[in-house]
Amino acid sequence: MLPLLLVLALARPVAAGLPTHGVLVPFRSLAGVRLGDTPAQVEARLGTRYQPCARCARATWYYTRTDTSPGLAVAFRQGRVSAVSTLGAPIGWRTSDGLRVGEGIDHVRLFYAKFAWRTCIGYGALSLRKASTVTAIYTTGDVVYGFGLLRPVEPVCR
């Protein structure tokens, strides 16, 4: 067995970046990003390879692997994360309860029976508020398309 100091010395730091298989922990985090995180905390988790949104009313960063790939949008209000949501349909992403992007929306009701339905332009949003956090599951047609975590002051339709 290796001594603890040797194990720590050999351990490689985890590189910051957009995860391949992000996880939504309802009311807590999406891809490790939490509501209230600072820009520095987001960069420590996801890195600095983001594209600022030029047309957004609030500071918003887009994290993608390529210019056209699914990814993550992180929006800030008063220097803190106020919303984080998936971009596109990042296959392989899931909730901590096991609901996966690409599954039929009938599975949503198995996991999250109390979610409210909202029609957005071109997609649907199932959302549930708990204290100062809203968890959203985005749908298109009859499948799960993505996830969101936001403050109640932010629109569910992103």
C-alpha atoms as a PDB file:
ATOM      1  CA  MET A   1       0.000   0.000   0.000  1.00  0.00           C
ATOM      2  CA  LEU A   2       1.332   3.442  -0.928  1.00  0.00           C
ATOM      3  CA  PRO A   3       1.775   6.081   1.767  1.00  0.00           C
ATOM      4  CA  LEU A   4      -0.861   8.827   1.629  1.00  0.00           C
ATOM      5  CA  LEU A   5       1.651  11.564   0.717  1.00  0.00           C
ATOM      6  CA  LEU A   6       2.890   9.533  -2.252  1.00  0.00           C
ATOM      7  CA  VAL A   7      -0.675   8.936  -3.440  1.00  0.00           C
ATOM      8  CA  LEU A   8      -1.409  12.662  -3.206  1.00  0.00           C
ATOM      9  CA  ALA A   9       1.800  13.512  -5.037  1.00  0.00           C
ATOM     10  CA  LEU A  10       0.960  11.123  -7.880  1.00  0.00           C
ATOM     11  CA  ALA A  11      -2.642  12.249  -8.177  1.00  0.00           C
ATOM     12  CA  ARG A  12      -3.341  14.358 -11.216  1.00  0.00           C
ATOM     13  CA  PRO A  13      -5.492  17.437 -10.813  1.00  0.00           C
ATOM     14  CA  VAL A  14      -8.896  17.167 -12.448  1.00  0.00           C
ATOM     15  CA  ALA A  15      -8.955  19.423 -15.478  1.00  0.00           C
ATOM     16  CA  ALA A  16     -11.764  21.946 -15.522  1.00  0.00           C
ATOM     17  CA  GLY A  17     -14.112  21.615 -18.446  1.00  0.00           C
ATOM     18  CA  LEU A  18     -17.594  20.788 -19.615  1.00  0.00           C
ATOM     19  CA  PRO A  19     -18.398  17.270 -18.449  1.00  0.00           C
ATOM     20  CA  THR A  20     -19.212  14.633 -21.040  1.00  0.00           C
ATOM     21  CA  HIS A  21     -22.023  13.274 -18.868  1.00  0.00           C
ATOM     22  CA  GLY A  22     -23.385  16.105 -16.740  1.00  0.00           C
ATOM     23  CA  VAL A  23     -25.743  15.484 -13.852  1.00  0.00           C
ATOM     24  CA  LEU A  24     -28.689  17.529 -12.609  1.00  0.00           C
ATOM     25  CA  VAL A  25     -29.112  17.216  -8.862  1.00  0.00           C
ATOM     26  CA  PRO A  26     -32.595  18.728  -8.458  1.00  0.00           C
ATOM     27  CA  PHE A  27     -32.624  21.951  -6.429  1.00  0.00           C
ATOM     28  CA  ARG A  28     -28.837  21.691  -5.959  1.00  0.00           C
ATOM     29  CA  SER A  29     -26.590  21.714  -9.054  1.00  0.00           C
ATOM     30  CA  LEU A  30     -26.253  21.115 -12.795  1.00  0.00           C
ATOM     31  CA  ALA A  31     -22.915  19.835 -14.077  1.00  0.00           C
ATOM     32  CA  GLY A  32     -21.455  20.845 -10.717  1.00  0.00           C
ATOM     33  CA  VAL A  33     -22.584  24.479 -11.044  1.00  0.00           C
ATOM     34  CA  ARG A  34     -24.717  25.786  -8.178  1.00  0.00           C
ATOM     35  CA  LEU A  35     -26.967  28.790  -7.989  1.00  0.00           C
ATOM     36  CA  GLY A  36     -25.078  31.558  -6.205  1.00  0.00           C
ATOM     37  CA  ASP A  37     -21.663  30.468  -7.507  1.00  0.00           C
ATOM     38  CA  THR A  38     -19.315  33.281  -8.488  1.00  0.00           C
ATOM     39  CA  PRO A  39     -17.757  33.532 -11.958  1.00  0.00           C
ATOM     40  CA  ALA A  40     -14.462  32.321 -10.433  1.00  0.00           C
ATOM     41  CA  GLN A  41     -16.186  29.224  -9.021  1.00  0.00           C
ATOM     42  CA  VAL A  42     -17.770  28.479 -12.402  1.00  0.00           C
ATOM     43  CA  GLU A  43     -14.401  28.861 -14.149  1.00  0.00           C
ATOM     44  CA  ALA A  44     -12.772  26.563 -11.580  1.00  0.00           C
ATOM     45  CA  ARG A  45     -15.414  23.926 -12.347  1.00  0.00           C
ATOM     46  CA  LEU A  46     -15.909  24.357 -16.103  1.00  0.00           C
ATOM     47  CA  GLY A  47     -12.833  26.252 -17.242  1.00  0.00           C
ATOM     48  CA  THR A  48     -12.415  29.444 -19.221  1.00  0.00           C
ATOM     49  CA  ARG A  49     -13.367  28.056 -22.655  1.00  0.00           C
ATOM     50  CA  TYR A  50     -16.768  29.701 -22.914  1.00  0.00           C
ATOM     51  CA  GLN A  51     -18.391  32.118 -25.320  1.00  0.00           C
ATOM     52  CA  PRO A  52     -20.069  35.172 -23.770  1.00  0.00           C
ATOM     53  CA  CYS A  53     -23.575  35.772 -25.091  1.00  0.00           C
ATOM     54  CA  ALA A  54     -23.564  38.995 -27.085  1.00  0.00           C
ATOM     55  CA  ARG A  55     -27.364  39.411 -27.156  1.00  0.00           C
ATOM     56  CA  CYS A  56     -28.330  38.413 -23.629  1.00  0.00           C
ATOM     57  CA  ALA A  57     -29.716  40.987 -21.196  1.00  0.00           C
ATOM     58  CA  ARG A  58     -27.589  39.498 -18.384  1.00  0.00           C
ATOM     59  CA  ALA A  59     -24.054  38.175 -18.452  1.00  0.00           C
ATOM     60  CA  THR A  60     -24.336  34.630 -19.835  1.00  0.00           C
ATOM     61  CA  TRP A  61     -21.596  32.177 -20.734  1.00  0.00           C
ATOM     62  CA  TYR A  62     -22.002  29.343 -23.244  1.00  0.00           C
ATOM     63  CA  TYR A  63     -19.883  26.255 -22.690  1.00  0.00           C
ATOM     64  CA  THR A  64     -19.717  23.865 -25.658  1.00  0.00           C
ATOM     65  CA  ARG A  65     -17.169  21.387 -26.992  1.00  0.00           C
ATOM     66  CA  THR A  66     -17.482  22.850 -30.501  1.00  0.00           C
ATOM     67  CA  ASP A  67     -19.440  25.782 -31.901  1.00  0.00           C
ATOM     68  CA  THR A  68     -22.399  23.527 -32.744  1.00  0.00           C
ATOM     69  CA  SER A  69     -22.351  20.907 -29.985  1.00  0.00           C
ATOM     70  CA  PRO A  70     -24.751  20.716 -27.036  1.00  0.00           C
ATOM     71  CA  GLY A  71     -23.471  22.306 -23.879  1.00  0.00           C
ATOM     72  CA  LEU A  72     -24.349  24.501 -20.945  1.00  0.00           C
ATOM     73  CA  ALA A  73     -25.488  28.102 -20.475  1.00  0.00           C
ATOM     74  CA  VAL A  74     -24.611  29.859 -17.219  1.00  0.00           C
ATOM     75  CA  ALA A  75     -26.380  33.172 -16.499  1.00  0.00           C
ATOM     76  CA  PHE A  76     -25.347  35.646 -13.819  1.00  0.00           C
ATOM     77  CA  ARG A  77     -27.265  38.263 -11.845  1.00  0.00           C
ATOM     78  CA  GLN A  78     -25.342  40.632  -9.544  1.00  0.00           C
ATOM     79  CA  GLY A  79     -22.154  38.587  -9.965  1.00  0.00           C
ATOM     80  CA  ARG A  80     -23.695  35.236  -8.994  1.00  0.00           C
ATOM     81  CA  VAL A  81     -25.117  32.312 -10.978  1.00  0.00           C
ATOM     82  CA  SER A  82     -28.867  32.842 -11.277  1.00  0.00           C
ATOM     83  CA  ALA A  83     -29.578  30.197 -13.928  1.00  0.00           C
ATOM     84  CA  VAL A  84     -27.810  27.250 -15.498  1.00  0.00           C
ATOM     85  CA  SER A  85     -29.339  25.187 -18.292  1.00  0.00           C
ATOM     86  CA  THR A  86     -28.374  22.746 -20.981  1.00  0.00           C
ATOM     87  CA  LEU A  87     -27.936  23.870 -24.571  1.00  0.00           C
ATOM     88  CA  GLY A  88     -29.273  21.466 -27.143  1.00  0.00           C
ATOM     89  CA  ALA A  89     -29.802  17.856 -26.119  1.00  0.00           C
ATOM     90  CA  PRO A  90     -26.583  16.664 -24.456  1.00  0.00           C
ATOM     91  CA  ILE A  91     -26.926  12.886 -24.799  1.00  0.00           C
ATOM     92  CA  GLY A  92     -25.530  11.073 -21.770  1.00  0.00           C
ATOM     93  CA  TRP A  93     -26.652  13.757 -19.334  1.00  0.00           C
ATOM     94  CA  ARG A  94     -29.061  12.682 -16.599  1.00  0.00           C
ATOM     95  CA  THR A  95     -30.597  13.573 -13.283  1.00  0.00           C
ATOM     96  CA  SER A  96     -29.246  12.145 -10.047  1.00  0.00           C
ATOM     97  CA  ASP A  97     -32.466  10.103  -9.945  1.00  0.00           C
ATOM     98  CA  GLY A  98     -31.687   8.459 -13.296  1.00  0.00           C
ATOM     99  CA  LEU A  99     -33.826  10.404 -15.784  1.00  0.00           C
ATOM    100  CA  ARG A 100     -31.795  10.732 -19.006  1.00  0.00           C
ATOM    101  CA  VAL A 101     -31.819  13.176 -21.915  1.00  0.00           C
ATOM    102  CA  GLY A 102     -33.523  11.366 -24.799  1.00  0.00           C
ATOM    103  CA  GLU A 103     -35.973   9.392 -22.664  1.00  0.00           C
ATOM    104  CA  GLY A 104     -39.703   9.675 -23.209  1.00  0.00           C
ATOM    105  CA  ILE A 105     -41.501  12.313 -21.181  1.00  0.00           C
ATOM    106  CA  ASP A 106     -43.618   9.573 -19.606  1.00  0.00           C
ATOM    107  CA  HIS A 107     -40.515   8.786 -17.536  1.00  0.00           C
ATOM    108  CA  VAL A 108     -40.563  12.326 -16.102  1.00  0.00           C
ATOM    109  CA  ARG A 109     -43.809  11.623 -14.278  1.00  0.00           C
ATOM    110  CA  LEU A 110     -42.267   8.467 -12.762  1.00  0.00           C
ATOM    111  CA  PHE A 111     -39.496  10.539 -11.191  1.00  0.00           C
ATOM    112  CA  TYR A 112     -41.117  13.931 -10.707  1.00  0.00           C
ATOM    113  CA  ALA A 113     -44.910  13.666 -10.426  1.00  0.00           C
ATOM    114  CA  LYS A 114     -45.529  17.212  -9.125  1.00  0.00           C
ATOM    115  CA  PHE A 115     -43.836  19.206 -11.880  1.00  0.00           C
ATOM    116  CA  ALA A 116     -45.913  21.950 -13.556  1.00  0.00           C
ATOM    117  CA  TRP A 117     -46.095  22.127 -17.340  1.00  0.00           C
ATOM    118  CA  ARG A 118     -45.285  25.298 -19.308  1.00  0.00           C
ATOM    119  CA  THR A 119     -45.284  25.723 -23.079  1.00  0.00           C
ATOM    120  CA  CYS A 120     -42.270  27.622 -24.401  1.00  0.00           C
ATOM    121  CA  ILE A 121     -41.605  28.595 -28.028  1.00  0.00           C
ATOM    122  CA  GLY A 122     -40.556  25.350 -29.709  1.00  0.00           C
ATOM    123  CA  TYR A 123     -40.314  23.209 -26.576  1.00  0.00           C
ATOM    124  CA  GLY A 124     -41.915  22.457 -23.232  1.00  0.00           C
ATOM    125  CA  ALA A 125     -40.731  22.953 -19.675  1.00  0.00           C
ATOM    126  CA  LEU A 126     -41.686  20.954 -16.611  1.00  0.00           C
ATOM    127  CA  SER A 127     -40.733  22.847 -13.475  1.00  0.00           C
ATOM    128  CA  LEU A 128     -40.951  22.649  -9.728  1.00  0.00           C
ATOM    129  CA  ARG A 129     -40.062  25.313  -7.166  1.00  0.00           C
ATOM    130  CA  LYS A 130     -38.601  24.537  -3.769  1.00  0.00           C
ATOM    131  CA  ALA A 131     -37.689  27.546  -1.605  1.00  0.00           C
ATOM    132  CA  SER A 132     -35.498  29.827  -3.767  1.00  0.00           C
ATOM    133  CA  THR A 133     -34.697  27.256  -6.470  1.00  0.00           C
ATOM    134  CA  VAL A 134     -36.558  26.060  -9.554  1.00  0.00           C
ATOM    135  CA  THR A 135     -35.637  22.780 -11.226  1.00  0.00           C
ATOM    136  CA  ALA A 136     -36.689  22.443 -14.876  1.00  0.00           C
ATOM    137  CA  ILE A 137     -36.827  19.543 -17.277  1.00  0.00           C
ATOM    138  CA  TYR A 138     -37.045  20.622 -20.910  1.00  0.00           C
ATOM    139  CA  THR A 139     -38.864  18.567 -23.521  1.00  0.00           C
ATOM    140  CA  THR A 140     -39.288  18.501 -27.250  1.00  0.00           C
ATOM    141  CA  GLY A 141     -41.951  16.382 -28.854  1.00  0.00           C
ATOM    142  CA  ASP A 142     -42.320  13.534 -26.412  1.00  0.00           C
ATOM    143  CA  VAL A 143     -38.717  13.288 -25.171  1.00  0.00           C
ATOM    144  CA  VAL A 144     -36.537  14.881 -22.491  1.00  0.00           C
ATOM    145  CA  TYR A 145     -34.359  17.485 -24.183  1.00  0.00           C
ATOM    146  CA  GLY A 146     -32.407  19.021 -21.290  1.00  0.00           C
ATOM    147  CA  PHE A 147     -32.344  20.434 -17.783  1.00  0.00           C
ATOM    148  CA  GLY A 148     -32.277  23.725 -15.942  1.00  0.00           C
ATOM    149  CA  LEU A 149     -31.728  25.113 -12.475  1.00  0.00           C
ATOM    150  CA  LEU A 150     -32.714  28.710 -11.802  1.00  0.00           C
ATOM    151  CA  ARG A 151     -33.840  31.324  -9.336  1.00  0.00           C
ATOM    152  CA  PRO A 152     -37.590  32.067  -9.331  1.00  0.00           C
ATOM    153  CA  VAL A 153     -36.917  35.550 -10.812  1.00  0.00           C
ATOM    154  CA  GLU A 154     -35.519  33.921 -13.973  1.00  0.00           C
ATOM    155  CA  PRO A 155     -37.828  32.738 -16.773  1.00  0.00           C
ATOM    156  CA  VAL A 156     -38.234  28.969 -17.047  1.00  0.00           C
ATOM    157  CA  CYS A 157     -38.414  29.298 -20.817  1.00  0.00           C
ATOM    158  CA  ARG A 158     -34.788  30.033 -21.632  1.00  0.00           C
END
